[in-house]
């Protein structure tokens, strides 16, 4: 639950300018992954330390909030423009929200598996056989 809630709430993109929030208030999986890394990933000598996290989002549609939370682990530059009647200025700042440290981006894997509608297995098999891509 919560896979539409991003780091700042609603997540927008080129395909969805308004953003999809669903009924999501908190991204439970991203919070759990961040908690595991921040709480149990501290000691390099500890055999029980959480060094890597895998998030598998299996749903009928994409978990855009979880993707945004994981993308936020990589340092990026955000440009903001301030306009007044007298002048305009652009300010560039680094946006980086690590869970534990600089290795979070490399040690976190996000997989989104989703489907769109019902498809008969026999139809898929027939199409693969007809295309010659079906292997025994």
Protein backbone atom coordinates (compact mmCIF):
# COMPACT_ATOMS: atom_id res chain seq x y z
CA UNK A 1 0.00 0.00 0.00
CA UNK A 2 1.05 3.54 -0.65
CA UNK A 3 2.98 3.06 -3.88
CA UNK A 4 1.58 6.30 -5.39
CA UNK A 5 2.79 8.55 -2.55
CA UNK A 6 6.13 10.09 -3.45
CA UNK A 7 8.73 11.87 -1.33
CA UNK A 8 6.74 15.12 -1.51
CA UNK A 9 3.26 13.62 -1.89
CA UNK A 10 1.81 13.62 -5.41
CA UNK A 11 4.13 12.51 -8.24
CA UNK A 12 3.68 14.10 -11.66
CA UNK A 13 5.22 13.15 -15.00
CA UNK A 14 4.89 13.97 -18.70
CA UNK A 15 2.08 11.39 -19.09
CA UNK A 16 0.19 12.52 -15.97
CA UNK A 17 0.50 16.28 -15.38
CA UNK A 18 -1.89 16.22 -12.40
CA UNK A 19 -0.20 13.27 -10.75
CA UNK A 20 -1.66 10.05 -9.52
CA UNK A 21 -2.10 9.76 -5.78
CA UNK A 22 -4.78 7.09 -5.56
CA UNK A 23 -5.73 6.63 -1.92
CA UNK A 24 -2.09 6.73 -0.80
CA UNK A 25 -1.03 8.97 2.07
CA UNK A 26 2.24 7.28 3.03
CA UNK A 27 4.48 5.03 0.98
CA UNK A 28 4.76 2.12 3.44
CA UNK A 29 7.30 0.16 1.41
CA UNK A 30 9.66 3.10 0.86
CA UNK A 31 9.39 3.99 4.56
CA UNK A 32 10.18 0.38 5.54
CA UNK A 33 13.16 0.22 3.16
CA UNK A 34 14.50 3.55 4.42
CA UNK A 35 14.03 2.44 8.03
CA UNK A 36 15.83 -0.86 7.39
CA UNK A 37 18.79 0.89 5.74
CA UNK A 38 18.99 3.69 8.31
CA UNK A 39 18.54 1.50 11.39
CA UNK A 40 20.20 -1.80 10.49
CA UNK A 41 22.72 -0.73 7.84
CA UNK A 42 25.15 1.12 10.09
CA UNK A 43 27.80 -1.42 11.04
CA UNK A 44 29.99 -2.73 8.22
CA UNK A 45 31.33 -5.51 10.47
CA UNK A 46 27.91 -6.73 11.57
CA UNK A 47 26.74 -9.84 9.68
CA UNK A 48 23.12 -8.85 10.22
CA UNK A 49 23.46 -5.35 8.76
CA UNK A 50 21.05 -4.48 5.95
CA UNK A 51 23.32 -3.54 3.08
CA UNK A 52 21.00 -3.97 0.10
CA UNK A 53 17.28 -3.49 -0.33
CA UNK A 54 15.05 -4.85 -3.10
CA UNK A 55 11.55 -3.45 -3.57
CA UNK A 56 9.25 -5.44 -5.86
CA UNK A 57 6.01 -3.62 -6.68
CA UNK A 58 3.60 -6.15 -8.19
CA UNK A 59 0.32 -4.49 -9.14
CA UNK A 60 -1.92 -3.81 -12.12
CA UNK A 61 -0.34 -0.37 -12.53
CA UNK A 62 2.97 1.36 -11.90
CA UNK A 63 4.10 2.43 -8.39
CA UNK A 64 5.18 5.92 -9.39
CA UNK A 65 5.62 7.12 -5.79
CA UNK A 66 7.98 4.28 -4.89
CA UNK A 67 9.97 4.93 -8.07
CA UNK A 68 10.23 8.64 -7.17
CA UNK A 69 11.44 7.77 -3.64
CA UNK A 70 14.15 5.48 -5.03
CA UNK A 71 15.14 7.98 -7.73
CA UNK A 72 15.49 10.59 -4.98
CA UNK A 73 18.43 8.59 -3.59
CA UNK A 74 20.61 9.74 -6.50
CA UNK A 75 22.04 13.28 -6.31
CA UNK A 76 20.36 15.56 -8.86
CA UNK A 77 20.35 19.29 -9.57
CA UNK A 78 17.06 21.17 -9.32
CA UNK A 79 16.73 24.57 -11.01
CA UNK A 80 14.24 27.08 -9.62
CA UNK A 81 13.46 30.38 -11.33
CA UNK A 82 12.45 33.45 -9.35
CA UNK A 83 10.88 36.27 -11.35
CA UNK A 84 10.16 39.82 -10.21
CA UNK A 85 9.10 42.86 -12.25
CA UNK A 86 12.73 43.99 -12.16
CA UNK A 87 14.77 40.86 -12.75
CA UNK A 88 14.74 37.07 -12.99
CA UNK A 89 17.17 34.65 -11.41
CA UNK A 90 17.70 30.92 -11.60
CA UNK A 91 18.94 29.10 -8.54
CA UNK A 92 20.38 25.61 -8.83
CA UNK A 93 20.45 23.40 -5.75
CA UNK A 94 21.38 19.79 -5.19
CA UNK A 95 18.46 17.54 -4.26
CA UNK A 96 19.60 14.48 -2.39
CA UNK A 97 17.70 12.58 0.28
CA UNK A 98 19.76 9.56 1.37
CA UNK A 99 18.34 6.93 3.70
CA UNK A 100 21.72 5.94 5.15
CA UNK A 101 24.62 7.25 3.09
CA UNK A 102 25.93 7.74 -0.43
CA UNK A 103 25.63 4.03 -1.25
CA UNK A 104 21.82 4.01 -1.02
CA UNK A 105 21.32 4.48 -4.76
CA UNK A 106 23.66 1.62 -5.64
CA UNK A 107 22.30 -0.65 -2.89
CA UNK A 108 18.59 -0.21 -3.62
CA UNK A 109 16.77 -2.00 -6.44
CA UNK A 110 13.20 -1.11 -7.43
CA UNK A 111 11.24 -3.45 -9.71
CA UNK A 112 7.74 -2.62 -10.91
CA UNK A 113 5.85 -5.51 -12.46
CA UNK A 114 2.45 -4.52 -13.77
CA UNK A 115 -0.09 -5.63 -16.33
CA UNK A 116 -2.92 -4.07 -18.26
CA UNK A 117 -6.02 -6.16 -18.55
CA UNK A 118 -6.90 -9.78 -19.11
CA UNK A 119 -5.20 -11.85 -21.78
CA UNK A 120 -6.04 -15.43 -22.60
CA UNK A 121 -2.96 -17.69 -22.17
CA UNK A 122 -3.98 -19.71 -25.22
CA UNK A 123 -3.98 -16.52 -27.34
CA UNK A 124 -0.46 -15.63 -26.22
CA UNK A 125 0.74 -19.17 -26.96
CA UNK A 126 -0.93 -19.16 -30.38
CA UNK A 127 0.66 -15.81 -31.26
CA UNK A 128 4.11 -17.02 -30.15
CA UNK A 129 3.71 -20.24 -32.16
CA UNK A 130 2.57 -18.30 -35.22
CA UNK A 131 5.51 -15.86 -34.91
CA UNK A 132 7.93 -18.78 -34.51
CA UNK A 133 9.14 -17.60 -31.11
CA UNK A 134 7.66 -20.49 -29.09
CA UNK A 135 10.37 -22.76 -27.76
CA UNK A 136 9.80 -26.17 -26.19
